[in-house]
């Protein structure tokens, strides 16, 4: 049984995202403190709609245990239960800076390779 191209593309995107989701979350937190639902919303608005809450919350917990982010509770503007907001620590800011540099050094060469030339039809191959 073969997979549909869409399923394969979604799988590839999901695998690629796994490696950089922590950096995406750090980048969003660096913009301003955020609470859980805002992450999924911001990621979806940025074109990363494959990310579920089930991926975000465990990663936030791991990042907090690692000292990359800290959290605090604040009242909900709508009067509901207090929300848990996250903000970067100094270690988190340093990790984001290093992660951005690492991503650029990885993504640049990959982009050059994937963008180089046109696909071969195989007609010139002996």
N, C-alpha and C. Protein backbone atom coordinates (compact mmCIF):
# COMPACT_ATOMS: atom_id res chain seq x y z
N UNK A 1 0.84 -1.18 0.00
CA UNK A 1 0.00 0.00 0.00
C UNK A 1 0.88 1.24 0.00
N UNK A 2 0.63 2.15 -0.90
CA UNK A 2 1.42 3.37 -0.98
C UNK A 2 0.69 4.51 -0.30
N UNK A 3 1.49 5.43 0.22
CA UNK A 3 0.91 6.60 0.88
C UNK A 3 0.58 7.66 -0.15
N UNK A 4 -0.43 8.42 0.15
CA UNK A 4 -0.77 9.55 -0.71
C UNK A 4 0.31 10.61 -0.53
N UNK A 5 0.59 11.38 -1.59
CA UNK A 5 1.63 12.41 -1.47
C UNK A 5 1.37 13.37 -0.32
N UNK A 6 0.13 13.71 -0.05
CA UNK A 6 -0.18 14.64 1.03
C UNK A 6 0.23 14.05 2.38
N UNK A 7 -0.06 12.78 2.60
CA UNK A 7 0.30 12.13 3.85
C UNK A 7 1.82 12.11 4.02
N UNK A 8 2.53 11.81 2.94
CA UNK A 8 3.99 11.79 3.00
C UNK A 8 4.54 13.18 3.28
N UNK A 9 3.99 14.19 2.64
CA UNK A 9 4.45 15.56 2.87
C UNK A 9 4.17 15.98 4.30
N UNK A 10 3.00 15.64 4.83
CA UNK A 10 2.67 15.98 6.22
C UNK A 10 3.61 15.26 7.18
N UNK A 11 3.93 14.01 6.89
CA UNK A 11 4.86 13.25 7.73
C UNK A 11 6.23 13.90 7.73
N UNK A 12 6.69 14.31 6.56
CA UNK A 12 8.00 14.94 6.46
C UNK A 12 8.02 16.26 7.24
N UNK A 13 6.98 17.06 7.05
CA UNK A 13 6.89 18.33 7.79
C UNK A 13 6.89 18.09 9.29
N UNK A 14 6.17 17.08 9.72
CA UNK A 14 6.09 16.75 11.14
C UNK A 14 7.46 16.35 11.68
N UNK A 15 8.19 15.54 10.92
CA UNK A 15 9.52 15.12 11.35
C UNK A 15 10.49 16.29 11.40
N UNK A 16 10.43 17.15 10.41
CA UNK A 16 11.31 18.33 10.39
C UNK A 16 10.99 19.26 11.57
N UNK A 17 9.72 19.43 11.83
CA UNK A 17 9.28 20.32 12.90
C UNK A 17 9.71 19.83 14.27
N UNK A 18 9.71 18.51 14.46
CA UNK A 18 10.11 17.95 15.76
C UNK A 18 11.48 18.45 16.19
N UNK A 19 12.37 18.62 15.23
CA UNK A 19 13.72 19.04 15.55
C UNK A 19 13.87 20.51 15.89
N UNK A 20 12.87 21.32 15.55
CA UNK A 20 12.99 22.76 15.79
C UNK A 20 11.82 23.36 16.55
N UNK A 21 10.89 22.53 17.00
CA UNK A 21 9.72 23.06 17.70
C UNK A 21 10.12 23.80 18.96
N UNK A 22 11.12 23.31 19.68
CA UNK A 22 11.55 24.02 20.88
C UNK A 22 12.06 25.42 20.54
N UNK A 23 12.79 25.55 19.42
CA UNK A 23 13.28 26.87 19.01
C UNK A 23 12.14 27.78 18.60
N UNK A 24 11.13 27.21 17.94
CA UNK A 24 9.96 28.00 17.56
C UNK A 24 9.25 28.53 18.81
N UNK A 25 9.09 27.66 19.81
CA UNK A 25 8.44 28.10 21.05
C UNK A 25 9.28 29.15 21.76
N UNK A 26 10.59 28.95 21.82
CA UNK A 26 11.47 29.96 22.44
C UNK A 26 11.37 31.30 21.72
N UNK A 27 11.31 31.25 20.41
CA UNK A 27 11.20 32.48 19.64
C UNK A 27 9.89 33.20 19.93
N UNK A 28 8.80 32.45 20.02
CA UNK A 28 7.50 33.06 20.34
C UNK A 28 7.50 33.65 21.74
N UNK A 29 8.12 32.94 22.68
CA UNK A 29 8.19 33.44 24.06
C UNK A 29 9.07 34.68 24.14
N UNK A 30 10.12 34.73 23.31
CA UNK A 30 11.02 35.88 23.33
C UNK A 30 10.30 37.15 22.87
N UNK A 31 9.27 37.00 22.01
CA UNK A 31 8.50 38.16 21.57
C UNK A 31 7.74 38.78 22.73
N UNK A 32 7.12 37.90 23.54
CA UNK A 32 6.34 38.34 24.71
C UNK A 32 5.93 37.10 25.48
N UNK A 33 5.66 37.23 26.78
CA UNK A 33 5.16 36.07 27.52
C UNK A 33 3.86 35.55 26.88
N UNK A 34 3.70 34.25 26.86
CA UNK A 34 2.52 33.63 26.25
C UNK A 34 2.00 32.52 27.15
N UNK A 35 0.73 32.20 26.96
CA UNK A 35 0.13 31.05 27.64
C UNK A 35 -0.16 29.98 26.60
N UNK A 36 -0.44 28.77 27.07
CA UNK A 36 -0.55 27.58 26.23
C UNK A 36 -1.28 27.72 24.91
N UNK A 37 -2.54 28.14 24.95
CA UNK A 37 -3.34 28.22 23.73
C UNK A 37 -2.72 29.17 22.71
N UNK A 38 -2.06 30.21 23.18
CA UNK A 38 -1.46 31.18 22.25
C UNK A 38 -0.35 30.56 21.40
N UNK A 39 0.31 29.53 21.92
CA UNK A 39 1.38 28.89 21.14
C UNK A 39 0.81 28.20 19.91
N UNK A 40 -0.21 27.39 20.12
CA UNK A 40 -0.82 26.67 18.98
C UNK A 40 -1.36 27.67 17.97
N UNK A 41 -1.97 28.72 18.46
CA UNK A 41 -2.54 29.75 17.58
C UNK A 41 -1.44 30.44 16.77
N UNK A 42 -0.36 30.85 17.43
CA UNK A 42 0.74 31.54 16.74
C UNK A 42 1.45 30.62 15.75
N UNK A 43 1.63 29.36 16.13
CA UNK A 43 2.26 28.41 15.21
C UNK A 43 1.40 28.20 13.98
N UNK A 44 0.09 28.06 14.18
CA UNK A 44 -0.82 27.87 13.05
C UNK A 44 -0.82 29.10 12.15
N UNK A 45 -0.82 30.28 12.75
CA UNK A 45 -0.78 31.52 11.95
C UNK A 45 0.52 31.62 11.17
N UNK A 46 1.59 31.03 11.69
CA UNK A 46 2.88 31.03 11.01
C UNK A 46 3.01 29.91 9.98
N UNK A 47 1.95 29.12 9.80
CA UNK A 47 1.98 28.05 8.81
C UNK A 47 2.32 26.68 9.37
N UNK A 48 2.45 26.58 10.68
CA UNK A 48 2.78 25.29 11.30
C UNK A 48 1.56 24.74 12.01
N UNK A 49 0.53 24.47 11.24
CA UNK A 49 -0.73 24.03 11.81
C UNK A 49 -0.75 22.55 12.18
N UNK A 50 0.34 21.84 11.97
CA UNK A 50 0.40 20.42 12.32
C UNK A 50 0.65 20.21 13.81
N UNK A 51 0.96 21.26 14.54
CA UNK A 51 1.34 21.13 15.95
C UNK A 51 0.11 21.11 16.83
N UNK A 52 0.02 20.09 17.67
CA UNK A 52 -1.12 19.96 18.57
C UNK A 52 -0.72 20.38 19.99
N UNK A 53 -1.74 20.62 20.80
CA UNK A 53 -1.49 20.94 22.21
C UNK A 53 -0.72 19.80 22.88
N UNK A 54 -0.99 18.57 22.43
CA UNK A 54 -0.32 17.41 22.98
C UNK A 54 1.18 17.40 22.74
N UNK A 55 1.65 18.17 21.79
CA UNK A 55 3.09 18.32 21.54
C UNK A 55 3.66 19.51 22.29
N UNK A 56 2.85 20.54 22.45
CA UNK A 56 3.34 21.79 23.03
C UNK A 56 3.54 21.70 24.53
N UNK A 57 2.54 21.24 25.27
CA UNK A 57 2.63 21.26 26.73
C UNK A 57 3.76 20.40 27.30
N UNK A 58 3.96 19.18 26.80
CA UNK A 58 5.10 18.41 27.32
C UNK A 58 6.45 19.08 27.02
N UNK A 59 6.55 19.70 25.85
CA UNK A 59 7.79 20.39 25.49
C UNK A 59 8.01 21.60 26.39
N UNK A 60 6.97 22.35 26.67
CA UNK A 60 7.10 23.49 27.60
C UNK A 60 7.56 23.01 28.97
N UNK A 61 7.00 21.90 29.44
CA UNK A 61 7.41 21.35 30.74
C UNK A 61 8.89 20.96 30.74
N UNK A 62 9.34 20.31 29.65
CA UNK A 62 10.75 19.93 29.56
C UNK A 62 11.65 21.16 29.51
N UNK A 63 11.22 22.17 28.76
CA UNK A 63 12.02 23.39 28.66
C UNK A 63 12.10 24.11 30.01
N UNK A 64 11.01 24.05 30.77
CA UNK A 64 11.02 24.69 32.10
C UNK A 64 11.95 23.91 33.04
N UNK A 65 11.88 22.58 33.01
CA UNK A 65 12.78 21.77 33.85
C UNK A 65 14.24 22.02 33.48
N UNK A 66 14.50 22.28 32.20
CA UNK A 66 15.87 22.52 31.74
C UNK A 66 16.34 23.94 32.05
N UNK A 67 15.45 24.78 32.56
CA UNK A 67 15.84 26.14 32.92
C UNK A 67 15.84 27.11 31.76
N UNK A 68 15.22 26.74 30.64
CA UNK A 68 15.19 27.62 29.47
C UNK A 68 14.06 28.64 29.54
N UNK A 69 13.00 28.28 30.26
CA UNK A 69 11.85 29.17 30.42
C UNK A 69 11.40 29.11 31.87
N UNK A 70 10.66 30.12 32.28
CA UNK A 70 10.02 30.11 33.59
C UNK A 70 8.55 30.42 33.37
N UNK A 71 7.75 30.14 34.37
CA UNK A 71 6.32 30.38 34.23
C UNK A 71 5.80 31.16 35.43
N UNK A 72 4.67 31.78 35.21
CA UNK A 72 3.96 32.47 36.28
C UNK A 72 2.48 32.45 35.94
N UNK A 73 1.67 32.61 36.95
CA UNK A 73 0.22 32.63 36.75
C UNK A 73 -0.27 34.07 36.82
N UNK A 74 -1.23 34.37 35.96
CA UNK A 74 -1.84 35.71 35.92
C UNK A 74 -3.33 35.55 35.67
N UNK A 75 -4.13 36.47 36.17
CA UNK A 75 -5.58 36.38 35.95
C UNK A 75 -5.92 36.41 34.47
N UNK A 76 -6.96 35.71 34.13
CA UNK A 76 -7.45 35.71 32.75
C UNK A 76 -8.21 36.99 32.50
N UNK A 77 -7.97 37.66 31.38
CA UNK A 77 -8.72 38.88 31.07
C UNK A 77 -10.23 38.65 30.96
N UNK A 78 -10.60 37.41 30.64
CA UNK A 78 -12.03 37.10 30.49
C UNK A 78 -12.67 36.72 31.82
N UNK A 79 -11.90 36.73 32.89
CA UNK A 79 -12.44 36.42 34.20
C UNK A 79 -12.42 34.94 34.55
N UNK A 80 -11.87 34.11 33.70
CA UNK A 80 -11.80 32.67 33.96
C UNK A 80 -10.67 32.35 34.92
N UNK A 81 -10.28 31.10 34.90
CA UNK A 81 -9.18 30.64 35.75
C UNK A 81 -7.89 31.35 35.36
N UNK A 82 -6.99 31.51 36.31
CA UNK A 82 -5.69 32.14 35.98
C UNK A 82 -4.97 31.34 34.90
N UNK A 83 -4.22 32.04 34.08
CA UNK A 83 -3.48 31.41 32.99
C UNK A 83 -2.01 31.28 33.37
N UNK A 84 -1.39 30.23 32.88
CA UNK A 84 0.04 30.02 33.10
C UNK A 84 0.79 30.58 31.91
N UNK A 85 1.57 31.62 32.15
CA UNK A 85 2.36 32.28 31.12
C UNK A 85 3.80 31.82 31.22
N UNK A 86 4.46 31.82 30.08
CA UNK A 86 5.87 31.42 30.00
C UNK A 86 6.70 32.57 29.48
N UNK A 87 7.92 32.68 30.01
CA UNK A 87 8.87 33.70 29.55
C UNK A 87 10.25 33.06 29.52
N UNK A 88 11.13 33.59 28.69
CA UNK A 88 12.47 32.99 28.59
C UNK A 88 13.36 33.38 29.77
N UNK A 89 14.24 32.50 30.13
CA UNK A 89 15.28 32.82 31.10
C UNK A 89 16.51 33.29 30.32
N UNK A 90 17.54 33.68 31.02
CA UNK A 90 18.79 34.04 30.33
C UNK A 90 19.32 32.84 29.55
N UNK A 91 19.24 31.66 30.17
CA UNK A 91 19.69 30.44 29.48
C UNK A 91 18.83 30.19 28.23
N UNK A 92 17.55 30.48 28.31
CA UNK A 92 16.67 30.31 27.16
C UNK A 92 17.00 31.27 26.04
N UNK A 93 17.33 32.51 26.40
CA UNK A 93 17.73 33.49 25.37
C UNK A 93 19.02 33.06 24.69
N UNK A 94 19.95 32.56 25.49
CA UNK A 94 21.22 32.08 24.92
C UNK A 94 20.97 30.86 24.01
N UNK A 95 20.10 29.97 24.45
CA UNK A 95 19.76 28.80 23.64
C UNK A 95 19.11 29.21 22.33
N UNK A 96 18.24 30.20 22.37
CA UNK A 96 17.58 30.69 21.16
C UNK A 96 18.59 31.29 20.20
N UNK A 97 19.51 32.08 20.71
CA UNK A 97 20.54 32.66 19.86
C UNK A 97 21.38 31.57 19.20
N UNK A 98 21.82 30.60 19.99
CA UNK A 98 22.62 29.50 19.45
C UNK A 98 21.78 28.65 18.48
N UNK A 99 20.53 28.42 18.83
CA UNK A 99 19.65 27.62 17.98
C UNK A 99 19.37 28.28 16.64
N UNK A 100 19.20 29.59 16.66
CA UNK A 100 18.99 30.32 15.39
C UNK A 100 20.21 30.19 14.50
N UNK A 101 21.40 30.33 15.08
CA UNK A 101 22.63 30.21 14.30
C UNK A 101 22.77 28.79 13.75
N UNK A 102 22.48 27.81 14.59
CA UNK A 102 22.54 26.42 14.15
C UNK A 102 21.56 26.13 13.04
N UNK A 103 20.35 26.68 13.16
CA UNK A 103 19.34 26.48 12.12
C UNK A 103 19.80 27.09 10.81
N UNK A 104 20.33 28.30 10.85
CA UNK A 104 20.79 28.96 9.63
C UNK A 104 21.92 28.18 8.98
N UNK A 105 22.84 27.66 9.79
CA UNK A 105 23.96 26.92 9.21
C UNK A 105 23.50 25.58 8.64
N UNK A 106 22.37 25.06 9.11
CA UNK A 106 21.81 23.82 8.58
C UNK A 106 20.89 24.09 7.39
N UNK A 107 19.96 25.03 7.56
CA UNK A 107 18.94 25.28 6.55
C UNK A 107 19.52 25.90 5.28
N UNK A 108 20.54 26.74 5.42
CA UNK A 108 21.15 27.37 4.25
C UNK A 108 21.68 26.34 3.26
N UNK A 109 22.56 25.44 3.69
CA UNK A 109 23.07 24.43 2.77
C UNK A 109 21.98 23.50 2.22
N UNK A 110 21.02 23.12 3.06
CA UNK A 110 19.94 22.26 2.58
C UNK A 110 19.15 22.99 1.50
N UNK A 111 18.86 24.26 1.72
CA UNK A 111 18.12 25.04 0.74
C UNK A 111 18.90 25.15 -0.57
N UNK A 112 20.22 25.36 -0.47
CA UNK A 112 21.03 25.45 -1.69
C UNK A 112 21.01 24.14 -2.47
N UNK A 113 21.11 23.03 -1.75
CA UNK A 113 21.10 21.73 -2.43
C UNK A 113 19.74 21.46 -3.07
N UNK A 114 18.68 21.72 -2.33
CA UNK A 114 17.34 21.45 -2.86
C UNK A 114 16.95 22.40 -3.98
N UNK A 115 17.53 23.60 -3.99
CA UNK A 115 17.19 24.59 -5.00
C UNK A 115 18.10 24.54 -6.22
N UNK A 116 19.20 23.82 -6.13
CA UNK A 116 20.19 23.79 -7.22
C UNK A 116 19.67 23.02 -8.42
N UNK A 117 19.84 23.62 -9.59
CA UNK A 117 19.54 22.92 -10.83
C UNK A 117 18.09 22.49 -10.96
N UNK A 118 17.87 21.69 -11.95
CA UNK A 118 16.53 21.15 -12.19
C UNK A 118 16.61 19.64 -12.05
N UNK A 119 15.51 19.02 -11.72
CA UNK A 119 15.52 17.56 -11.57
C UNK A 119 15.90 16.88 -12.88
N UNK A 120 16.67 15.84 -12.78
CA UNK A 120 17.07 15.05 -13.94
C UNK A 120 15.94 14.11 -14.34
N UNK A 121 15.81 13.90 -15.63
CA UNK A 121 14.81 12.94 -16.12
C UNK A 121 15.42 11.56 -16.20
N UNK A 122 16.71 11.47 -16.01
CA UNK A 122 17.40 10.18 -16.09
C UNK A 122 17.76 9.79 -17.51
N UNK A 123 17.44 10.63 -18.50
CA UNK A 123 17.69 10.29 -19.90
C UNK A 123 19.17 10.31 -20.23
N UNK A 124 19.98 11.08 -19.49
CA UNK A 124 21.40 11.17 -19.80
C UNK A 124 22.20 10.07 -19.10
N UNK A 125 21.55 9.27 -18.30
CA UNK A 125 22.25 8.25 -17.55
C UNK A 125 22.46 7.03 -18.44
N UNK A 126 23.72 6.50 -18.47
CA UNK A 126 23.99 5.32 -19.33
C UNK A 126 23.29 4.09 -18.81
